[in-house]
């Protein structure tokens, strides 16, 4: 994954965002992705990801 980030001036009204947990050799990874755009995702180790109550 590229470490470059681009500032987004506006939020797309038709964006579809999904989250998942992937299990691999390095452990569990939390993935948050906008599936309407290429390469629009962020990952974090699952133990570092915020829980739903923490997001509120």
PDB file of N, CA and C in Angstrom:
ATOM      1  N   UNK A   1       0.837  -1.171   0.000  1.00  0.00           N
ATOM      2  CA  UNK A   1       0.000   0.000   0.000  1.00  0.00           C
ATOM      3  C   UNK A   1       0.882   1.233   0.000  1.00  0.00           C
ATOM      4  N   UNK A   2       0.509   2.192  -0.787  1.00  0.00           N
ATOM      5  CA  UNK A   2       1.246   3.441  -0.855  1.00  0.00           C
ATOM      6  C   UNK A   2       1.000   4.257   0.407  1.00  0.00           C
ATOM      7  N   UNK A   3       2.014   4.953   0.853  1.00  0.00           N
ATOM      8  CA  UNK A   3       1.886   5.797   2.036  1.00  0.00           C
ATOM      9  C   UNK A   3       1.475   7.218   1.682  1.00  0.00           C
ATOM     10  N   UNK A   4       1.321   7.517   0.381  1.00  0.00           N
ATOM     11  CA  UNK A   4       0.918   8.852  -0.034  1.00  0.00           C
ATOM     12  C   UNK A   4      -0.568   9.053   0.233  1.00  0.00           C
ATOM     13  N   UNK A   5      -0.929  10.245   0.663  1.00  0.00           N
ATOM     14  CA  UNK A   5      -2.333  10.569   0.876  1.00  0.00           C
ATOM     15  C   UNK A   5      -2.671  11.829   0.111  1.00  0.00           C
ATOM     16  N   UNK A   6      -3.872  11.899  -0.396  1.00  0.00           N
ATOM     17  CA  UNK A   6      -4.355  13.074  -1.103  1.00  0.00           C
ATOM     18  C   UNK A   6      -5.506  13.666  -0.309  1.00  0.00           C
ATOM     19  N   UNK A   7      -5.502  14.973  -0.165  1.00  0.00           N
ATOM     20  CA  UNK A   7      -6.607  15.638   0.517  1.00  0.00           C
ATOM     21  C   UNK A   7      -7.826  15.624  -0.405  1.00  0.00           C
ATOM     22  N   UNK A   8      -8.962  15.294   0.146  1.00  0.00           N
ATOM     23  CA  UNK A   8     -10.196  15.269  -0.626  1.00  0.00           C
ATOM     24  C   UNK A   8     -10.997  16.503  -0.262  1.00  0.00           C
ATOM     25  N   UNK A   9     -11.338  17.300  -1.278  1.00  0.00           N
ATOM     26  CA  UNK A   9     -12.032  18.560  -1.038  1.00  0.00           C
ATOM     27  C   UNK A   9     -13.514  18.345  -0.764  1.00  0.00           C
ATOM     28  N   UNK A  10     -14.106  17.319  -1.350  1.00  0.00           N
ATOM     29  CA  UNK A  10     -15.535  17.075  -1.176  1.00  0.00           C
ATOM     30  C   UNK A  10     -15.758  15.582  -0.977  1.00  0.00           C
ATOM     31  N   UNK A  11     -16.815  15.253  -0.274  1.00  0.00           N
ATOM     32  CA  UNK A  11     -17.162  13.855  -0.046  1.00  0.00           C
ATOM     33  C   UNK A  11     -18.120  13.430  -1.146  1.00  0.00           C
ATOM     34  N   UNK A  12     -17.825  12.306  -1.778  1.00  0.00           N
ATOM     35  CA  UNK A  12     -18.696  11.802  -2.828  1.00  0.00           C
ATOM     36  C   UNK A  12     -20.028  11.360  -2.224  1.00  0.00           C
ATOM     37  N   UNK A  13     -21.123  11.783  -2.834  1.00  0.00           N
ATOM     38  CA  UNK A  13     -22.434  11.421  -2.314  1.00  0.00           C
ATOM     39  C   UNK A  13     -22.796   9.974  -2.612  1.00  0.00           C
ATOM     40  N   UNK A  14     -22.167   9.385  -3.612  1.00  0.00           N
ATOM     41  CA  UNK A  14     -22.505   8.016  -3.999  1.00  0.00           C
ATOM     42  C   UNK A  14     -21.455   7.006  -3.543  1.00  0.00           C
ATOM     43  N   UNK A  15     -20.654   7.371  -2.566  1.00  0.00           N
ATOM     44  CA  UNK A  15     -19.603   6.476  -2.080  1.00  0.00           C
ATOM     45  C   UNK A  15     -20.219   5.280  -1.363  1.00  0.00           C
ATOM     46  N   UNK A  16     -19.585   4.134  -1.521  1.00  0.00           N
ATOM     47  CA  UNK A  16     -19.977   2.927  -0.800  1.00  0.00           C
ATOM     48  C   UNK A  16     -18.773   2.472  -0.002  1.00  0.00           C
ATOM     49  N   UNK A  17     -18.893   2.501   1.310  1.00  0.00           N
ATOM     50  CA  UNK A  17     -17.782   2.165   2.187  1.00  0.00           C
ATOM     51  C   UNK A  17     -18.071   0.839   2.883  1.00  0.00           C
ATOM     52  N   UNK A  18     -17.056  -0.019   2.897  1.00  0.00           N
ATOM     53  CA  UNK A  18     -17.192  -1.324   3.534  1.00  0.00           C
ATOM     54  C   UNK A  18     -15.998  -1.557   4.448  1.00  0.00           C
ATOM     55  N   UNK A  19     -16.198  -2.367   5.463  1.00  0.00           N
ATOM     56  CA  UNK A  19     -15.119  -2.736   6.382  1.00  0.00           C
ATOM     57  C   UNK A  19     -15.033  -4.256   6.445  1.00  0.00           C
ATOM     58  N   UNK A  20     -13.813  -4.741   6.665  1.00  0.00           N
ATOM     59  CA  UNK A  20     -13.628  -6.178   6.825  1.00  0.00           C
ATOM     60  C   UNK A  20     -12.397  -6.442   7.683  1.00  0.00           C
ATOM     61  N   UNK A  21     -12.266  -7.690   8.105  1.00  0.00           N
ATOM     62  CA  UNK A  21     -11.094  -8.135   8.857  1.00  0.00           C
ATOM     63  C   UNK A  21     -10.465  -9.267   8.059  1.00  0.00           C
ATOM     64  N   UNK A  22      -9.179  -9.123   7.777  1.00  0.00           N
ATOM     65  CA  UNK A  22      -8.442 -10.138   7.034  1.00  0.00           C
ATOM     66  C   UNK A  22      -7.453 -10.808   7.980  1.00  0.00           C
ATOM     67  N   UNK A  23      -7.391 -12.127   7.928  1.00  0.00           N
ATOM     68  CA  UNK A  23      -6.452 -12.882   8.741  1.00  0.00           C
ATOM     69  C   UNK A  23      -5.310 -13.359   7.853  1.00  0.00           C
ATOM     70  N   UNK A  24      -4.096 -13.074   8.269  1.00  0.00           N
ATOM     71  CA  UNK A  24      -2.927 -13.476   7.497  1.00  0.00           C
ATOM     72  C   UNK A  24      -1.770 -13.824   8.408  1.00  0.00           C
ATOM     73  N   UNK A  25      -0.585 -14.022   7.813  1.00  0.00           N
ATOM     74  CA  UNK A  25       0.586 -14.402   8.601  1.00  0.00           C
ATOM     75  C   UNK A  25       0.969 -13.362   9.657  1.00  0.00           C
ATOM     76  N   UNK A  26       0.666 -12.105   9.395  1.00  0.00           N
ATOM     77  CA  UNK A  26       1.015 -11.044  10.336  1.00  0.00           C
ATOM     78  C   UNK A  26      -0.067 -10.831  11.389  1.00  0.00           C
ATOM     79  N   UNK A  27      -1.153 -11.598  11.337  1.00  0.00           N
ATOM     80  CA  UNK A  27      -2.243 -11.426  12.295  1.00  0.00           C
ATOM     81  C   UNK A  27      -3.487 -10.897  11.612  1.00  0.00           C
ATOM     82  N   UNK A  28      -4.397 -10.343  12.395  1.00  0.00           N
ATOM     83  CA  UNK A  28      -5.650  -9.826  11.855  1.00  0.00           C
ATOM     84  C   UNK A  28      -5.498  -8.350  11.509  1.00  0.00           C
ATOM     85  N   UNK A  29      -6.013  -7.978  10.326  1.00  0.00           N
ATOM     86  CA  UNK A  29      -5.927  -6.607   9.835  1.00  0.00           C
ATOM     87  C   UNK A  29      -7.322  -6.077   9.566  1.00  0.00           C
ATOM     88  N   UNK A  30      -7.618  -4.870  10.057  1.00  0.00           N
ATOM     89  CA  UNK A  30      -8.880  -4.188   9.795  1.00  0.00           C
ATOM     90  C   UNK A  30      -8.715  -3.399   8.504  1.00  0.00           C
ATOM     91  N   UNK A  31      -9.683  -3.506   7.586  1.00  0.00           N
ATOM     92  CA  UNK A  31      -9.636  -2.813   6.305  1.00  0.00           C
ATOM     93  C   UNK A  31     -10.905  -1.989   6.150  1.00  0.00           C
ATOM     94  N   UNK A  32     -10.763  -0.715   5.840  1.00  0.00           N
ATOM     95  CA  UNK A  32     -11.878   0.185   5.571  1.00  0.00           C
ATOM     96  C   UNK A  32     -11.671   0.704   4.162  1.00  0.00           C
ATOM     97  N   UNK A  33     -12.659   0.491   3.272  1.00  0.00           N
ATOM     98  CA  UNK A  33     -12.465   0.830   1.866  1.00  0.00           C
ATOM     99  C   UNK A  33     -13.694   1.484   1.258  1.00  0.00           C
ATOM    100  N   UNK A  34     -13.444   2.459   0.365  1.00  0.00           N
ATOM    101  CA  UNK A  34     -14.481   3.039  -0.485  1.00  0.00           C
ATOM    102  C   UNK A  34     -14.442   2.224  -1.767  1.00  0.00           C
ATOM    103  N   UNK A  35     -15.435   1.372  -1.982  1.00  0.00           N
ATOM    104  CA  UNK A  35     -15.402   0.467  -3.124  1.00  0.00           C
ATOM    105  C   UNK A  35     -15.776   1.144  -4.440  1.00  0.00           C
ATOM    106  N   UNK A  36     -16.117   2.427  -4.412  1.00  0.00           N
ATOM    107  CA  UNK A  36     -16.438   3.141  -5.641  1.00  0.00           C
ATOM    108  C   UNK A  36     -15.210   3.810  -6.251  1.00  0.00           C
ATOM    109  N   UNK A  37     -14.064   3.719  -5.582  1.00  0.00           N
ATOM    110  CA  UNK A  37     -12.828   4.336  -6.081  1.00  0.00           C
ATOM    111  C   UNK A  37     -11.695   3.334  -6.020  1.00  0.00           C
ATOM    112  N   UNK A  38     -10.772   3.428  -6.957  1.00  0.00           N
ATOM    113  CA  UNK A  38      -9.585   2.588  -6.933  1.00  0.00           C
ATOM    114  C   UNK A  38      -8.631   3.082  -5.857  1.00  0.00           C
ATOM    115  N   UNK A  39      -8.014   2.171  -5.154  1.00  0.00           N
ATOM    116  CA  UNK A  39      -6.988   2.466  -4.149  1.00  0.00           C
ATOM    117  C   UNK A  39      -7.449   3.421  -3.047  1.00  0.00           C
ATOM    118  N   UNK A  40      -8.734   3.376  -2.700  1.00  0.00           N
ATOM    119  CA  UNK A  40      -9.255   4.219  -1.624  1.00  0.00           C
ATOM    120  C   UNK A  40      -9.552   3.336  -0.412  1.00  0.00           C
ATOM    121  N   UNK A  41      -8.491   3.019   0.331  1.00  0.00           N
ATOM    122  CA  UNK A  41      -8.651   2.165   1.506  1.00  0.00           C
ATOM    123  C   UNK A  41      -7.590   2.505   2.538  1.00  0.00           C
ATOM    124  N   UNK A  42      -7.857   2.074   3.759  1.00  0.00           N
ATOM    125  CA  UNK A  42      -6.904   2.244   4.850  1.00  0.00           C
ATOM    126  C   UNK A  42      -6.911   0.947   5.654  1.00  0.00           C
ATOM    127  N   UNK A  43      -5.739   0.560   6.148  1.00  0.00           N
ATOM    128  CA  UNK A  43      -5.640  -0.655   6.947  1.00  0.00           C
ATOM    129  C   UNK A  43      -4.978  -0.337   8.290  1.00  0.00           C
ATOM    130  N   UNK A  44      -5.283  -1.190   9.274  1.00  0.00           N
ATOM    131  CA  UNK A  44      -4.672  -1.064  10.599  1.00  0.00           C
ATOM    132  C   UNK A  44      -4.701  -2.430  11.256  1.00  0.00           C
ATOM    133  N   UNK A  45      -3.732  -2.708  12.122  1.00  0.00           N
ATOM    134  CA  UNK A  45      -3.825  -3.954  12.884  1.00  0.00           C
ATOM    135  C   UNK A  45      -5.152  -3.951  13.651  1.00  0.00           C
ATOM    136  N   UNK A  46      -5.841  -5.069  13.675  1.00  0.00           N
ATOM    137  CA  UNK A  46      -7.163  -5.136  14.306  1.00  0.00           C
ATOM    138  C   UNK A  46      -7.132  -4.648  15.749  1.00  0.00           C
ATOM    139  N   UNK A  47      -6.098  -4.977  16.505  1.00  0.00           N
ATOM    140  CA  UNK A  47      -6.045  -4.563  17.904  1.00  0.00           C
ATOM    141  C   UNK A  47      -5.917  -3.040  18.052  1.00  0.00           C
ATOM    142  N   UNK A  48      -5.512  -2.326  16.981  1.00  0.00           N
ATOM    143  CA  UNK A  48      -5.396  -0.866  17.028  1.00  0.00           C
ATOM    144  C   UNK A  48      -6.632  -0.158  16.476  1.00  0.00           C
ATOM    145  N   UNK A  49      -7.535  -0.899  15.850  1.00  0.00           N
ATOM    146  CA  UNK A  49      -8.727  -0.294  15.248  1.00  0.00           C
ATOM    147  C   UNK A  49      -9.725   0.094  16.340  1.00  0.00           C
ATOM    148  N   UNK A  50     -10.417   1.209  16.124  1.00  0.00           N
ATOM    149  CA  UNK A  50     -11.410   1.681  17.088  1.00  0.00           C
ATOM    150  C   UNK A  50     -12.658   0.814  17.019  1.00  0.00           C
ATOM    151  N   UNK A  51     -13.295   0.603  18.148  1.00  0.00           N
ATOM    152  CA  UNK A  51     -14.567  -0.104  18.173  1.00  0.00           C
ATOM    153  C   UNK A  51     -15.679   0.867  17.799  1.00  0.00           C
ATOM    154  N   UNK A  52     -16.852   0.348  17.479  1.00  0.00           N
ATOM    155  CA  UNK A  52     -17.962   1.212  17.078  1.00  0.00           C
ATOM    156  C   UNK A  52     -18.297   2.258  18.141  1.00  0.00           C
ATOM    157  N   UNK A  53     -18.395   1.920  19.436  1.00  0.00           N
ATOM    158  CA  UNK A  53     -18.656   2.956  20.442  1.00  0.00           C
ATOM    159  C   UNK A  53     -17.563   4.041  20.474  1.00  0.00           C
ATOM    160  N   UNK A  54     -16.318   3.669  20.182  1.00  0.00           N
ATOM    161  CA  UNK A  54     -15.246   4.661  20.152  1.00  0.00           C
ATOM    162  C   UNK A  54     -15.387   5.629  18.975  1.00  0.00           C
ATOM    163  N   UNK A  55     -15.972   5.173  17.872  1.00  0.00           N
ATOM    164  CA  UNK A  55     -16.174   6.033  16.698  1.00  0.00           C
ATOM    165  C   UNK A  55     -17.269   7.067  16.949  1.00  0.00           C
ATOM    166  N   UNK A  56     -18.183   6.766  17.834  1.00  0.00           N
ATOM    167  CA  UNK A  56     -19.327   7.663  18.052  1.00  0.00           C
ATOM    168  C   UNK A  56     -18.908   8.839  18.814  1.00  0.00           C
TER     169      UNK A  56
END
